[in-house]
Amino acid sequence: MFKDETLASRTGSGGNCRARAQGDVGFVGLGHMGMAMAANLAAAGHRVIAQVRRPERMGKLVALGLKPTTDIADLFDCEFVISMLPDDAAVRDVVSGRQELGLDGLAMGLMPGAIHLSMSTISTATAAHLASEHARHGQGYVAAPVFGNPDAAKARQLFIVAAGAAVDVERCLPLTDVLGQRTFVIGTDPAHANLIKLLGNMMTATTLEALGEVVALIRRRGIDPKAFVDILTNTMFGGRGHKIYGEKIATEHYAPGFPLPLSLKDARLALAEAERAGVPMPSVNVVRDRLITGIARGYADLDWSALGLIAAEEADFVADASVSIGEETAREPADAKIGAEAEAAAGG
């Protein structure tokens, strides 16, 4: 698979006859995405030990067929540990531990031969560091970030980009088959999987910005934005991103999904990668600035399709004062929103 081609793909959700992965599966990061993914693994017959920080969440995990714990050391005997965490710092803490608190991380605790399957969206530098740390302790590390939202995770329709040592990736494929509809295997360097994920997110983000701008102009000229988006998505722009997010922007439906602080985190990581490579990305700079603006205006809890709302406000035009931004319309301080979203995404 790896010798003859640099990119391979596997169809999941029952699309092959590969044997089920053996051994317990640990899971760290039980936010909206992680909860759905862990539940699917349990439903497929895996014994999943799920680590959370708050004991009051354990009852819900039991109802989903998971084995909950608040102690990460309970994951140390697992053959696989999956992490689905919001940022670099959270993943580094899980792998390296917190020495000031006397807590070991996965690198110190996992058995030799165990594999950390990291499905978080993180920087390439952190991916390389984590791979090195696990290798020092005789463990495997596979980066496998995902494309898809919590609904896609529940339906096992994620797209997964995997990279790591060939033998480690092969051992993880039965798990990714359960979690997604397709796994793209891109080689042996875990950092490459994370770079592809970051750039894919920037393709979506810049699409949202462009959609927001043109829909704002369409509204200003008195044309029905839903009709406009329908024309676009049935002619030259029929991709998933244009269809899904075009409808949200046209209908002003920005209810919570992929929150602005996490979108901003990815934009900053992508721009850092671009700077290191000497590649200008002016469109991503625009998106970063728009996201900062939206958070400052109190929209931190909204889906990143709210780039359409920000574009409309920059045009000094919001068609409907009752724009759908979720149950609570009061603007909270940006810092409070960022903290809340990070907590939810980390699955604390």
C-alpha atoms as a PDB file:
ATOM      1  CA  MET A   1       0.000   0.000   0.000  1.00  0.00           C
ATOM      2  CA  PHE A   2       2.804   2.407   0.906  1.00  0.00           C
ATOM      3  CA  LYS A   3       5.505   1.170  -1.459  1.00  0.00           C
ATOM      4  CA  ASP A   4       3.711   1.686  -4.748  1.00  0.00           C
ATOM      5  CA  GLU A   5       1.764   4.870  -4.061  1.00  0.00           C
ATOM      6  CA  THR A   6       2.008   7.875  -1.810  1.00  0.00           C
ATOM      7  CA  LEU A   7      -1.725   8.164  -1.297  1.00  0.00           C
ATOM      8  CA  ALA A   8      -4.186   5.368  -0.810  1.00  0.00           C
ATOM      9  CA  SER A   9      -7.754   5.375   0.408  1.00  0.00           C
ATOM     10  CA  ARG A  10      -9.946   2.927   2.222  1.00  0.00           C
ATOM     11  CA  THR A  11     -13.725   2.905   2.289  1.00  0.00           C
ATOM     12  CA  GLY A  12     -15.171   2.549   5.768  1.00  0.00           C
ATOM     13  CA  SER A  13     -18.644   1.993   7.227  1.00  0.00           C
ATOM     14  CA  GLY A  14     -18.616  -1.668   6.343  1.00  0.00           C
ATOM     15  CA  GLY A  15     -16.940  -1.200   2.978  1.00  0.00           C
ATOM     16  CA  ASN A  16     -14.355  -3.989   3.476  1.00  0.00           C
ATOM     17  CA  CYS A  17     -13.780  -7.220   5.344  1.00  0.00           C
ATOM     18  CA  ARG A  18     -10.803  -6.204   7.469  1.00  0.00           C
ATOM     19  CA  ALA A  19     -10.768  -7.786  10.932  1.00  0.00           C
ATOM     20  CA  ARG A  20     -11.790  -5.714  13.945  1.00  0.00           C
ATOM     21  CA  ALA A  21      -8.943  -4.158  15.936  1.00  0.00           C
ATOM     22  CA  GLN A  22      -8.168  -6.115  19.080  1.00  0.00           C
ATOM     23  CA  GLY A  23      -7.589  -4.672  22.551  1.00  0.00           C
ATOM     24  CA  ASP A  24      -9.202  -1.881  24.527  1.00  0.00           C
ATOM     25  CA  VAL A  25      -9.577   1.557  22.981  1.00  0.00           C
ATOM     26  CA  GLY A  26      -9.002   4.609  25.149  1.00  0.00           C
ATOM     27  CA  PHE A  27     -10.623   7.900  24.202  1.00  0.00           C
ATOM     28  CA  VAL A  28      -9.687  11.409  25.329  1.00  0.00           C
ATOM     29  CA  GLY A  29     -11.716  14.435  24.248  1.00  0.00           C
ATOM     30  CA  LEU A  30     -15.416  13.755  24.647  1.00  0.00           C
ATOM     31  CA  GLY A  31     -16.827  16.928  23.112  1.00  0.00           C
ATOM     32  CA  HIS A  32     -19.532  16.820  20.450  1.00  0.00           C
ATOM     33  CA  MET A  33     -17.263  15.132  17.902  1.00  0.00           C
ATOM     34  CA  GLY A  34     -15.496  12.823  20.317  1.00  0.00           C
ATOM     35  CA  MET A  35     -18.705  11.668  21.987  1.00  0.00           C
ATOM     36  CA  ALA A  36     -20.219  10.603  18.680  1.00  0.00           C
ATOM     37  CA  MET A  37     -17.039   8.847  17.578  1.00  0.00           C
ATOM     38  CA  ALA A  38     -16.550   6.976  20.858  1.00  0.00           C
ATOM     39  CA  ALA A  39     -20.194   5.870  20.852  1.00  0.00           C
ATOM     40  CA  ASN A  40     -19.795   4.458  17.336  1.00  0.00           C
ATOM     41  CA  LEU A  41     -16.757   2.455  18.396  1.00  0.00           C
ATOM     42  CA  ALA A  42     -18.673   1.026  21.350  1.00  0.00           C
ATOM     43  CA  ALA A  43     -21.640   0.187  19.122  1.00  0.00           C
ATOM     44  CA  ALA A  44     -19.260  -1.689  16.816  1.00  0.00           C
ATOM     45  CA  GLY A  45     -18.189  -3.935  19.692  1.00  0.00           C
ATOM     46  CA  HIS A  46     -15.072  -2.223  20.991  1.00  0.00           C
ATOM     47  CA  ARG A  47     -14.489  -1.790  24.715  1.00  0.00           C
ATOM     48  CA  VAL A  48     -13.969   1.957  24.931  1.00  0.00           C
ATOM     49  CA  ILE A  49     -12.522   3.530  28.080  1.00  0.00           C
ATOM     50  CA  ALA A  50     -13.445   7.219  27.944  1.00  0.00           C
ATOM     51  CA  GLN A  51     -11.596   9.755  30.088  1.00  0.00           C
ATOM     52  CA  VAL A  52     -13.357  12.943  31.173  1.00  0.00           C
ATOM     53  CA  ARG A  53     -12.532  15.556  33.787  1.00  0.00           C
ATOM     54  CA  ARG A  54     -15.978  16.005  35.312  1.00  0.00           C
ATOM     55  CA  PRO A  55     -17.551  13.056  37.178  1.00  0.00           C
ATOM     56  CA  GLU A  56     -21.085  14.305  36.484  1.00  0.00           C
ATOM     57  CA  ARG A  57     -20.637  13.364  32.816  1.00  0.00           C
ATOM     58  CA  MET A  58     -19.991   9.707  33.532  1.00  0.00           C
ATOM     59  CA  GLY A  59     -23.645   8.652  33.569  1.00  0.00           C
ATOM     60  CA  LYS A  60     -24.139   9.823  29.998  1.00  0.00           C
ATOM     61  CA  LEU A  61     -21.057   7.910  28.886  1.00  0.00           C
ATOM     62  CA  VAL A  62     -22.315   4.711  30.486  1.00  0.00           C
ATOM     63  CA  ALA A  63     -25.621   5.120  28.631  1.00  0.00           C
ATOM     64  CA  LEU A  64     -23.661   5.221  25.371  1.00  0.00           C
ATOM     65  CA  GLY A  65     -21.910   1.939  26.159  1.00  0.00           C
ATOM     66  CA  LEU A  66     -18.595   3.517  27.207  1.00  0.00           C
ATOM     67  CA  LYS A  67     -16.459   2.749  30.267  1.00  0.00           C
ATOM     68  CA  PRO A  68     -15.966   6.175  31.862  1.00  0.00           C
ATOM     69  CA  THR A  69     -13.106   7.315  34.056  1.00  0.00           C
ATOM     70  CA  THR A  70     -11.691  10.578  35.341  1.00  0.00           C
ATOM     71  CA  ASP A  71      -8.174   9.128  35.608  1.00  0.00           C
ATOM     72  CA  ILE A  72      -6.088   9.061  32.444  1.00  0.00           C
ATOM     73  CA  ALA A  73      -3.970   6.288  33.985  1.00  0.00           C
ATOM     74  CA  ASP A  74      -6.928   3.957  33.350  1.00  0.00           C
ATOM     75  CA  LEU A  75      -6.108   4.257  29.648  1.00  0.00           C
ATOM     76  CA  PHE A  76      -2.493   3.146  30.001  1.00  0.00           C
ATOM     77  CA  ASP A  77      -3.235  -0.539  29.374  1.00  0.00           C
ATOM     78  CA  CYS A  78      -5.185   0.168  26.176  1.00  0.00           C
ATOM     79  CA  GLU A  79      -3.824  -1.007  22.840  1.00  0.00           C
ATOM     80  CA  PHE A  80      -5.076   2.173  21.176  1.00  0.00           C
ATOM     81  CA  VAL A  81      -5.796   5.629  22.558  1.00  0.00           C
ATOM     82  CA  ILE A  82      -7.696   8.106  20.405  1.00  0.00           C
ATOM     83  CA  SER A  83      -7.492  11.828  21.137  1.00  0.00           C
ATOM     84  CA  MET A  84      -9.973  14.380  19.800  1.00  0.00           C
ATOM     85  CA  LEU A  85      -8.914  17.606  21.491  1.00  0.00           C
ATOM     86  CA  PRO A  86      -9.278  21.299  20.614  1.00  0.00           C
ATOM     87  CA  ASP A  87      -5.685  22.491  20.275  1.00  0.00           C
ATOM     88  CA  ASP A  88      -1.961  21.807  20.514  1.00  0.00           C
ATOM     89  CA  ALA A  89      -1.693  22.570  24.231  1.00  0.00           C
ATOM     90  CA  ALA A  90      -4.419  20.104  25.159  1.00  0.00           C
ATOM     91  CA  VAL A  91      -2.836  17.288  23.144  1.00  0.00           C
ATOM     92  CA  ARG A  92       0.638  18.032  24.519  1.00  0.00           C
ATOM     93  CA  ASP A  93      -0.728  17.856  28.078  1.00  0.00           C
ATOM     94  CA  VAL A  94      -2.328  14.483  27.397  1.00  0.00           C
ATOM     95  CA  VAL A  95       0.871  13.061  25.898  1.00  0.00           C
ATOM     96  CA  SER A  96       3.470  14.638  28.194  1.00  0.00           C
ATOM     97  CA  GLY A  97       1.430  14.861  31.385  1.00  0.00           C
ATOM     98  CA  ARG A  98       1.531  17.586  34.009  1.00  0.00           C
ATOM     99  CA  GLN A  99       4.700  17.213  36.020  1.00  0.00           C
ATOM    100  CA  GLU A 100       3.722  19.985  38.426  1.00  0.00           C
ATOM    101  CA  LEU A 101       0.659  17.925  39.345  1.00  0.00           C
ATOM    102  CA  GLY A 102       2.481  14.604  39.386  1.00  0.00           C
ATOM    103  CA  LEU A 103       0.456  13.314  36.435  1.00  0.00           C
ATOM    104  CA  ASP A 104       1.988  11.079  33.773  1.00  0.00           C
ATOM    105  CA  GLY A 105       0.890  11.395  30.162  1.00  0.00           C
ATOM    106  CA  LEU A 106       0.344   8.812  27.466  1.00  0.00           C
ATOM    107  CA  ALA A 107       4.024   8.721  26.452  1.00  0.00           C
ATOM    108  CA  MET A 108       5.129   7.666  29.932  1.00  0.00           C
ATOM    109  CA  GLY A 109       2.131   5.492  30.651  1.00  0.00           C
ATOM    110  CA  LEU A 110       1.236   3.518  27.539  1.00  0.00           C
ATOM    111  CA  MET A 111       2.693   0.088  26.939  1.00  0.00           C
ATOM    112  CA  PRO A 112       5.377  -0.380  24.265  1.00  0.00           C
ATOM    113  CA  GLY A 113       3.592  -1.244  21.040  1.00  0.00           C
ATOM    114  CA  ALA A 114       0.462   0.744  21.905  1.00  0.00           C
ATOM    115  CA  ILE A 115      -0.678   3.378  19.408  1.00  0.00           C
ATOM    116  CA  HIS A 116      -1.842   6.929  19.933  1.00  0.00           C
ATOM    117  CA  LEU A 117      -4.323   7.754  17.149  1.00  0.00           C
ATOM    118  CA  SER A 118      -4.410  11.552  17.170  1.00  0.00           C
ATOM    119  CA  MET A 119      -7.506  12.870  15.369  1.00  0.00           C
ATOM    120  CA  SER A 120      -7.220  16.486  16.521  1.00  0.00           C
ATOM    121  CA  THR A 121      -6.500  19.442  14.245  1.00  0.00           C
ATOM    122  CA  ILE A 122      -3.064  20.574  15.408  1.00  0.00           C
ATOM    123  CA  SER A 123       0.125  22.096  14.033  1.00  0.00           C
ATOM    124  CA  THR A 124       2.689  20.095  12.105  1.00  0.00           C
ATOM    125  CA  ALA A 125       5.336  20.973  14.696  1.00  0.00           C
ATOM    126  CA  THR A 126       3.250  19.465  17.491  1.00  0.00           C
ATOM    127  CA  ALA A 127       2.508  16.387  15.393  1.00  0.00           C
ATOM    128  CA  ALA A 128       6.235  15.854  14.812  1.00  0.00           C
ATOM    129  CA  HIS A 129       6.994  16.358  18.511  1.00  0.00           C
ATOM    130  CA  LEU A 130       4.330  13.884  19.616  1.00  0.00           C
ATOM    131  CA  ALA A 131       5.517  11.279  17.118  1.00  0.00           C
ATOM    132  CA  SER A 132       9.041  11.633  18.486  1.00  0.00           C
ATOM    133  CA  GLU A 133       7.896  11.351  22.106  1.00  0.00           C
ATOM    134  CA  HIS A 134       5.937   8.172  21.455  1.00  0.00           C
ATOM    135  CA  ALA A 135       8.804   6.674  19.441  1.00  0.00           C
ATOM    136  CA  ARG A 136      11.170   7.243  22.385  1.00  0.00           C
ATOM    137  CA  HIS A 137       8.906   5.044  24.484  1.00  0.00           C
ATOM    138  CA  GLY A 138       8.427   2.336  21.872  1.00  0.00           C
ATOM    139  CA  GLN A 139       4.887   3.388  20.969  1.00  0.00           C
ATOM    140  CA  GLY A 140       3.245   4.213  17.663  1.00  0.00           C
ATOM    141  CA  TYR A 141       1.766   7.544  16.657  1.00  0.00           C
ATOM    142  CA  VAL A 142      -0.700   8.005  13.807  1.00  0.00           C
ATOM    143  CA  ALA A 143      -2.131  11.397  12.846  1.00  0.00           C
ATOM    144  CA  ALA A 144      -5.661  11.047  11.502  1.00  0.00           C
ATOM    145  CA  PRO A 145      -7.523  14.386  11.502  1.00  0.00           C
ATOM    146  CA  VAL A 146     -11.041  14.385  10.120  1.00  0.00           C
ATOM    147  CA  PHE A 147     -13.207  16.398   7.761  1.00  0.00           C
ATOM    148  CA  GLY A 148     -16.801  16.556   8.940  1.00  0.00           C
ATOM    149  CA  ASN A 149     -19.071  17.943  11.650  1.00  0.00           C
ATOM    150  CA  PRO A 150     -20.732  16.232  14.664  1.00  0.00           C
ATOM    151  CA  ASP A 151     -23.665  15.104  12.511  1.00  0.00           C
ATOM    152  CA  ALA A 152     -21.256  13.425  10.097  1.00  0.00           C
ATOM    153  CA  ALA A 153     -19.474  11.844  13.058  1.00  0.00           C
ATOM    154  CA  LYS A 154     -22.737  10.382  14.364  1.00  0.00           C
ATOM    155  CA  ALA A 155     -23.565   9.004  10.920  1.00  0.00           C
ATOM    156  CA  ARG A 156     -20.038   7.551  10.462  1.00  0.00           C
ATOM    157  CA  GLN A 157     -19.590   9.769   7.415  1.00  0.00           C
ATOM    158  CA  LEU A 158     -16.312  11.473   8.325  1.00  0.00           C
ATOM    159  CA  PHE A 159     -13.434  11.715   5.872  1.00  0.00           C
ATOM    160  CA  ILE A 160     -10.160  10.796   7.585  1.00  0.00           C
ATOM    161  CA  VAL A 161      -6.606  11.686   6.522  1.00  0.00           C
ATOM    162  CA  ALA A 162      -4.075   9.283   8.081  1.00  0.00           C
ATOM    163  CA  ALA A 163      -0.285   9.221   8.193  1.00  0.00           C
ATOM    164  CA  GLY A 164       2.297   7.353  10.254  1.00  0.00           C
ATOM    165  CA  ALA A 165       4.451   4.250  10.157  1.00  0.00           C
ATOM    166  CA  ALA A 166       2.894   1.789   7.722  1.00  0.00           C
ATOM    167  CA  VAL A 167       2.408  -0.979  10.288  1.00  0.00           C
ATOM    168  CA  ASP A 168       0.787   1.433  12.760  1.00  0.00           C
ATOM    169  CA  VAL A 169      -1.577   2.889  10.184  1.00  0.00           C
ATOM    170  CA  GLU A 170      -2.589  -0.620   9.106  1.00  0.00           C
ATOM    171  CA  ARG A 171      -3.434  -1.546  12.690  1.00  0.00           C
ATOM    172  CA  CYS A 172      -5.601   1.589  13.030  1.00  0.00           C
ATOM    173  CA  LEU A 173      -7.608   1.142   9.837  1.00  0.00           C
ATOM    174  CA  PRO A 174     -10.253  -1.118  11.438  1.00  0.00           C
ATOM    175  CA  LEU A 175     -10.965   1.753  13.826  1.00  0.00           C
ATOM    176  CA  THR A 176     -11.092   4.454  11.166  1.00  0.00           C
ATOM    177  CA  ASP A 177     -13.375   2.192   9.109  1.00  0.00           C
ATOM    178  CA  VAL A 178     -15.890   2.389  11.960  1.00  0.00           C
ATOM    179  CA  LEU A 179     -15.532   6.147  12.355  1.00  0.00           C
ATOM    180  CA  GLY A 180     -15.703   7.350   8.762  1.00  0.00           C
ATOM    181  CA  GLN A 181     -16.822   6.663   5.242  1.00  0.00           C
ATOM    182  CA  ARG A 182     -13.315   6.901   3.792  1.00  0.00           C
ATOM    183  CA  THR A 183      -9.738   6.994   5.041  1.00  0.00           C
ATOM    184  CA  PHE A 184      -7.020   8.579   2.907  1.00  0.00           C
ATOM    185  CA  VAL A 185      -3.568   7.210   3.738  1.00  0.00           C
ATOM    186  CA  ILE A 186      -0.923   9.702   2.664  1.00  0.00           C
ATOM    187  CA  GLY A 187       2.370   8.234   3.850  1.00  0.00           C
ATOM    188  CA  THR A 188       4.585   7.895   6.890  1.00  0.00           C
ATOM    189  CA  ASP A 189       4.999  11.476   8.140  1.00  0.00           C
ATOM    190  CA  PRO A 190       2.200  12.325  10.612  1.00  0.00           C
ATOM    191  CA  ALA A 191       2.763  16.058  10.099  1.00  0.00           C
ATOM    192  CA  HIS A 192       1.598  15.766   6.489  1.00  0.00           C
ATOM    193  CA  ALA A 193      -1.867  14.666   7.581  1.00  0.00           C
ATOM    194  CA  ASN A 194      -2.208  17.694   9.836  1.00  0.00           C
ATOM    195  CA  LEU A 195      -1.011  20.073   7.119  1.00  0.00           C
ATOM    196  CA  ILE A 196      -3.617  18.716   4.708  1.00  0.00           C
ATOM    197  CA  LYS A 197      -6.322  19.118   7.338  1.00  0.00           C
ATOM    198  CA  LEU A 198      -5.340  22.723   8.099  1.00  0.00           C
ATOM    199  CA  LEU A 199      -5.260  23.681   4.423  1.00  0.00           C
ATOM    200  CA  GLY A 200      -8.561  21.932   3.778  1.00  0.00           C
ATOM    201  CA  ASN A 201     -10.115  23.980   6.562  1.00  0.00           C
ATOM    202  CA  MET A 202      -8.728  27.134   4.993  1.00  0.00           C
ATOM    203  CA  MET A 203     -10.285  26.189   1.655  1.00  0.00           C
ATOM    204  CA  THR A 204     -13.629  26.010   3.446  1.00  0.00           C
ATOM    205  CA  ALA A 205     -13.059  29.213   5.410  1.00  0.00           C
ATOM    206  CA  THR A 206     -12.161  31.263   2.341  1.00  0.00           C
ATOM    207  CA  THR A 207     -15.207  29.810   0.574  1.00  0.00           C
ATOM    208  CA  LEU A 208     -17.380  31.000   3.464  1.00  0.00           C
ATOM    209  CA  GLU A 209     -15.846  34.465   3.266  1.00  0.00           C
ATOM    210  CA  ALA A 210     -16.489  34.675  -0.495  1.00  0.00           C
ATOM    211  CA  LEU A 211     -20.054  33.427  -0.060  1.00  0.00           C
ATOM    212  CA  GLY A 212     -20.674  35.968   2.675  1.00  0.00           C
ATOM    213  CA  GLU A 213     -19.421  38.831   0.532  1.00  0.00           C
ATOM    214  CA  VAL A 214     -21.416  37.985  -2.590  1.00  0.00           C
ATOM    215  CA  VAL A 215     -24.600  37.248  -0.634  1.00  0.00           C
ATOM    216  CA  ALA A 216     -24.266  40.617   1.124  1.00  0.00           C
ATOM    217  CA  LEU A 217     -24.132  42.302  -2.281  1.00  0.00           C
ATOM    218  CA  ILE A 218     -27.093  40.257  -3.560  1.00  0.00           C
ATOM    219  CA  ARG A 219     -29.161  41.355  -0.543  1.00  0.00           C
ATOM    220  CA  ARG A 220     -28.121  44.972  -0.996  1.00  0.00           C
ATOM    221  CA  ARG A 221     -29.475  44.842  -4.570  1.00  0.00           C
ATOM    222  CA  GLY A 222     -32.781  43.331  -3.409  1.00  0.00           C
ATOM    223  CA  ILE A 223     -32.315  39.873  -4.946  1.00  0.00           C
ATOM    224  CA  ASP A 224     -33.422  36.744  -3.084  1.00  0.00           C
ATOM    225  CA  PRO A 225     -30.187  35.194  -1.729  1.00  0.00           C
ATOM    226  CA  LYS A 226     -31.723  31.710  -1.628  1.00  0.00           C
ATOM    227  CA  ALA A 227     -32.435  31.859  -5.342  1.00  0.00           C
ATOM    228  CA  PHE A 228     -28.907  33.121  -5.968  1.00  0.00           C
ATOM    229  CA  VAL A 229     -27.314  30.279  -3.979  1.00  0.00           C
ATOM    230  CA  ASP A 230     -29.598  27.763  -5.705  1.00  0.00           C
ATOM    231  CA  ILE A 231     -28.353  28.944  -9.101  1.00  0.00           C
ATOM    232  CA  LEU A 232     -24.704  28.785  -8.035  1.00  0.00           C
ATOM    233  CA  THR A 233     -24.887  25.349  -6.424  1.00  0.00           C
ATOM    234  CA  ASN A 234     -26.686  23.850  -9.400  1.00  0.00           C
ATOM    235  CA  THR A 235     -24.243  25.193 -11.980  1.00  0.00           C
ATOM    236  CA  MET A 236     -20.554  25.912 -11.385  1.00  0.00           C
ATOM    237  CA  PHE A 237     -20.380  25.558  -7.592  1.00  0.00           C
ATOM    238  CA  GLY A 238     -21.964  22.235  -6.723  1.00  0.00           C
ATOM    239  CA  GLY A 239     -19.501  21.137  -4.033  1.00  0.00           C
ATOM    240  CA  ARG A 240     -20.506  20.119  -0.524  1.00  0.00           C
ATOM    241  CA  GLY A 241     -19.122  23.291   1.030  1.00  0.00           C
ATOM    242  CA  HIS A 242     -21.010  25.627  -1.271  1.00  0.00           C
ATOM    243  CA  LYS A 243     -24.273  23.707  -0.855  1.00  0.00           C
ATOM    244  CA  ILE A 244     -24.178  23.245   2.921  1.00  0.00           C
ATOM    245  CA  TYR A 245     -22.814  26.642   3.892  1.00  0.00           C
ATOM    246  CA  GLY A 246     -24.427  28.574   1.055  1.00  0.00           C
ATOM    247  CA  GLU A 247     -27.830  27.615   2.427  1.00  0.00           C
ATOM    248  CA  LYS A 248     -26.827  28.631   5.953  1.00  0.00           C
ATOM    249  CA  ILE A 249     -25.623  32.037   4.821  1.00  0.00           C
ATOM    250  CA  ALA A 250     -28.613  32.616   2.549  1.00  0.00           C
ATOM    251  CA  THR A 251     -31.047  31.745   5.356  1.00  0.00           C
ATOM    252  CA  GLU A 252     -28.942  33.484   8.034  1.00  0.00           C
ATOM    253  CA  HIS A 253     -28.754  30.303  10.071  1.00  0.00           C
ATOM    254  CA  TYR A 254     -25.554  30.558  12.099  1.00  0.00           C
ATOM    255  CA  ALA A 255     -26.457  28.321  15.022  1.00  0.00           C
ATOM    256  CA  PRO A 256     -23.514  26.783  16.920  1.00  0.00           C
ATOM    257  CA  GLY A 257     -21.429  24.264  14.993  1.00  0.00           C
ATOM    258  CA  PHE A 258     -17.705  24.806  14.383  1.00  0.00           C
ATOM    259  CA  PRO A 259     -17.147  27.832  16.655  1.00  0.00           C
ATOM    260  CA  LEU A 260     -15.242  30.925  15.649  1.00  0.00           C
ATOM    261  CA  PRO A 261     -12.401  30.544  18.203  1.00  0.00           C
ATOM    262  CA  LEU A 262     -11.488  27.111  16.857  1.00  0.00           C
ATOM    263  CA  SER A 263     -11.746  28.431  13.296  1.00  0.00           C
ATOM    264  CA  LEU A 264      -9.395  31.259  14.265  1.00  0.00           C
ATOM    265  CA  LYS A 265      -6.981  28.774  15.828  1.00  0.00           C
ATOM    266  CA  ASP A 266      -6.814  26.868  12.540  1.00  0.00           C
ATOM    267  CA  ALA A 267      -6.335  30.065  10.515  1.00  0.00           C
ATOM    268  CA  ARG A 268      -3.416  31.082  12.702  1.00  0.00           C
ATOM    269  CA  LEU A 269      -1.843  27.625  12.413  1.00  0.00           C
ATOM    270  CA  ALA A 270      -2.221  27.674   8.622  1.00  0.00           C
ATOM    271  CA  LEU A 271      -0.673  31.138   8.375  1.00  0.00           C
ATOM    272  CA  ALA A 272       2.247  30.017  10.547  1.00  0.00           C
ATOM    273  CA  GLU A 273       2.818  27.085   8.167  1.00  0.00           C
ATOM    274  CA  ALA A 274       2.672  29.481   5.207  1.00  0.00           C
ATOM    275  CA  GLU A 275       5.151  31.875   6.779  1.00  0.00           C
ATOM    276  CA  ARG A 276       7.625  29.074   7.482  1.00  0.00           C
ATOM    277  CA  ALA A 277       7.357  27.944   3.867  1.00  0.00           C
ATOM    278  CA  GLY A 278       7.553  31.467   2.442  1.00  0.00           C
ATOM    279  CA  VAL A 279       4.132  31.161   0.788  1.00  0.00           C
ATOM    280  CA  PRO A 280       1.818  34.218   0.988  1.00  0.00           C
ATOM    281  CA  MET A 281      -1.852  33.429   1.805  1.00  0.00           C
ATOM    282  CA  PRO A 282      -3.620  36.808   1.635  1.00  0.00           C
ATOM    283  CA  SER A 283      -7.111  35.301   1.518  1.00  0.00           C
ATOM    284  CA  VAL A 284      -6.475  33.467   4.793  1.00  0.00           C
ATOM    285  CA  ASN A 285      -5.274  36.737   6.332  1.00  0.00           C
ATOM    286  CA  VAL A 286      -8.664  38.234   5.468  1.00  0.00           C
ATOM    287  CA  VAL A 287     -10.461  35.298   7.087  1.00  0.00           C
ATOM    288  CA  ARG A 288      -8.333  35.590  10.236  1.00  0.00           C
ATOM    289  CA  ASP A 289      -9.209  39.265  10.581  1.00  0.00           C
ATOM    290  CA  ARG A 290     -12.921  38.569  10.021  1.00  0.00           C
ATOM    291  CA  LEU A 291     -12.885  35.883  12.707  1.00  0.00           C
ATOM    292  CA  ILE A 292     -11.216  38.242  15.163  1.00  0.00           C
ATOM    293  CA  THR A 293     -13.903  40.801  14.366  1.00  0.00           C
ATOM    294  CA  GLY A 294     -16.699  38.298  14.908  1.00  0.00           C
ATOM    295  CA  ILE A 295     -15.332  37.173  18.276  1.00  0.00           C
ATOM    296  CA  ALA A 296     -14.955  40.799  19.376  1.00  0.00           C
ATOM    297  CA  ARG A 297     -18.617  41.366  18.487  1.00  0.00           C
ATOM    298  CA  GLY A 298     -19.732  38.499  20.707  1.00  0.00           C
ATOM    299  CA  TYR A 299     -20.207  35.784  18.088  1.00  0.00           C
ATOM    300  CA  ALA A 300     -17.685  33.323  19.519  1.00  0.00           C
ATOM    301  CA  ASP A 301     -20.264  30.583  19.970  1.00  0.00           C
ATOM    302  CA  LEU A 302     -21.558  30.728  16.395  1.00  0.00           C
ATOM    303  CA  ASP A 303     -20.678  28.400  13.539  1.00  0.00           C
ATOM    304  CA  TRP A 304     -17.967  29.622  11.171  1.00  0.00           C
ATOM    305  CA  SER A 305     -20.680  30.205   8.573  1.00  0.00           C
ATOM    306  CA  ALA A 306     -21.197  33.408  10.623  1.00  0.00           C
ATOM    307  CA  LEU A 307     -18.500  34.814   8.356  1.00  0.00           C
ATOM    308  CA  GLY A 308     -21.591  35.591   6.266  1.00  0.00           C
ATOM    309  CA  LEU A 309     -23.079  37.593   9.143  1.00  0.00           C
ATOM    310  CA  ILE A 310     -19.832  39.507   9.602  1.00  0.00           C
ATOM    311  CA  ALA A 311     -19.684  40.287   5.870  1.00  0.00           C
ATOM    312  CA  ALA A 312     -23.261  41.578   6.024  1.00  0.00           C
ATOM    313  CA  GLU A 313     -22.443  43.800   8.987  1.00  0.00           C
ATOM    314  CA  GLU A 314     -19.357  45.134   7.255  1.00  0.00           C
ATOM    315  CA  ALA A 315     -21.685  46.074   4.416  1.00  0.00           C
ATOM    316  CA  ASP A 316     -23.859  47.756   7.080  1.00  0.00           C
ATOM    317  CA  PHE A 317     -26.765  45.584   6.070  1.00  0.00           C
ATOM    318  CA  VAL A 318     -28.526  42.824   8.023  1.00  0.00           C
ATOM    319  CA  ALA A 319     -31.746  41.794   6.347  1.00  0.00           C
ATOM    320  CA  ASP A 320     -33.494  40.382   9.406  1.00  0.00           C
ATOM    321  CA  ALA A 321     -32.949  41.502  12.988  1.00  0.00           C
ATOM    322  CA  SER A 322     -34.076  38.057  14.145  1.00  0.00           C
ATOM    323  CA  VAL A 323     -31.120  36.383  12.447  1.00  0.00           C
ATOM    324  CA  SER A 324     -30.809  32.791  13.661  1.00  0.00           C
ATOM    325  CA  ILE A 325     -27.842  32.707  16.003  1.00  0.00           C
ATOM    326  CA  GLY A 326     -29.126  30.187  18.506  1.00  0.00           C
ATOM    327  CA  GLU A 327     -31.332  30.466  21.559  1.00  0.00           C
ATOM    328  CA  GLU A 328     -29.292  33.191  23.258  1.00  0.00           C
ATOM    329  CA  THR A 329     -28.769  36.416  21.340  1.00  0.00           C
ATOM    330  CA  ALA A 330     -27.084  38.395  24.096  1.00  0.00           C
ATOM    331  CA  ARG A 331     -23.451  39.086  23.361  1.00  0.00           C
ATOM    332  CA  GLU A 332     -21.042  37.778  25.979  1.00  0.00           C
ATOM    333  CA  PRO A 333     -17.434  38.892  26.417  1.00  0.00           C
ATOM    334  CA  ALA A 334     -15.211  37.260  23.806  1.00  0.00           C
ATOM    335  CA  ASP A 335     -12.804  35.762  26.359  1.00  0.00           C
ATOM    336  CA  ALA A 336     -15.644  34.009  28.182  1.00  0.00           C
ATOM    337  CA  LYS A 337     -16.941  32.558  24.933  1.00  0.00           C
ATOM    338  CA  ILE A 338     -13.520  31.306  23.906  1.00  0.00           C
ATOM    339  CA  GLY A 339     -13.061  29.563  27.235  1.00  0.00           C
ATOM    340  CA  ALA A 340     -16.484  27.962  27.044  1.00  0.00           C
ATOM    341  CA  GLU A 341     -15.929  26.653  23.521  1.00  0.00           C
ATOM    342  CA  ALA A 342     -12.535  25.221  24.375  1.00  0.00           C
ATOM    343  CA  GLU A 343     -14.045  23.460  27.390  1.00  0.00           C
ATOM    344  CA  ALA A 344     -16.860  21.984  25.322  1.00  0.00           C
ATOM    345  CA  ALA A 345     -14.561  20.855  22.517  1.00  0.00           C
ATOM    346  CA  ALA A 346     -12.158  19.234  24.984  1.00  0.00           C
ATOM    347  CA  GLY A 347     -15.010  17.204  26.402  1.00  0.00           C
ATOM    348  CA  GLY A 348     -14.245  18.137  29.995  1.00  0.00           C
END
